[in-house]
Amino acid sequence: MKLGILETGAPPEEIRGRYGSYPSMFRRLFGESAYDYAVYDVAAGEMPAGVAECGAWLVTGSSAGAYDPEPWIAPLEDFLRAAKGQAPLVGICFGHQIMAQAFGGKVIKSPNGWGLGLQRYRMGAARGWMDSPEPIAVPGSHQDQVVEAPPGAKVIGGNDFCPVGMLDYGADRAISLQLHPEFEPDYAKALIETRRGTRLSVEEADRAVMSYEQPDDRVRVGAWLQRFIETA
């Protein structure tokens, strides 16, 4: 299958050389030979010619807000609306947010502040692409949140800090997740360190880094995404 990755952002420049791009993180999570990967640098204005170019689509994270006046956001929303129901769609972090906004939901900069470190989500009823509805622990790094799910979308995961943490669009063949299964713990910790003492307090950074001493469910959730991509 050809998997189109809509690249909407990049890691901070000072650590990019060590960890690579967001698309490369997904290739490592899924397996380099799992798909015929096609990457579109959406943030630089590179959009697919049409939905049929790939069999499925994934939208990455970004430092941009879904509500920001970036010139590439409206064309991305148009593409997502065209793709909805036509091919499997997966949104991660910003991808979760921009899909929700494009489909009629609401995204804001949350008054709750940063969701940092290993985040634990309760899950609802199991879907066919899940192994079970047991809770998940996956890296998180976000200030923005979906606060109103789009019409027809069901909230299937979240916690008290981020109630609308995962959405299932059912027959429209789309799912999205606020968390980052593609973030290896070393990268997640390095990302926190780039923000220590600037965007994050020392205490916030310490707590988030320490959370990665616990086991995570990155690989489990990555398998969910792959089963969805291949069966939706």
Foldseek 3Di string as FASTA:
>chain_A
DEEEEEEQAFAPPVCCVVPPGLVVLLCVLCPVPNHNYDYAPLLVPGDDPALVPGQEYEYEDHPDALPDPRPSNVVVLVRLVRCFLVHAYEYEANGQVSNQVSQAFDKDQDPLAWDFAWDKKQFAADDPLAPGRHIFTAGATDRMATPGGHPQKDQGMDDPSHRSAKIDNPSRNYIYGNGDLSDDLVNSLVSLVVPDPNSDDVVRSVVRNVNVVDDGCSSNVSSSVVSSNVPD
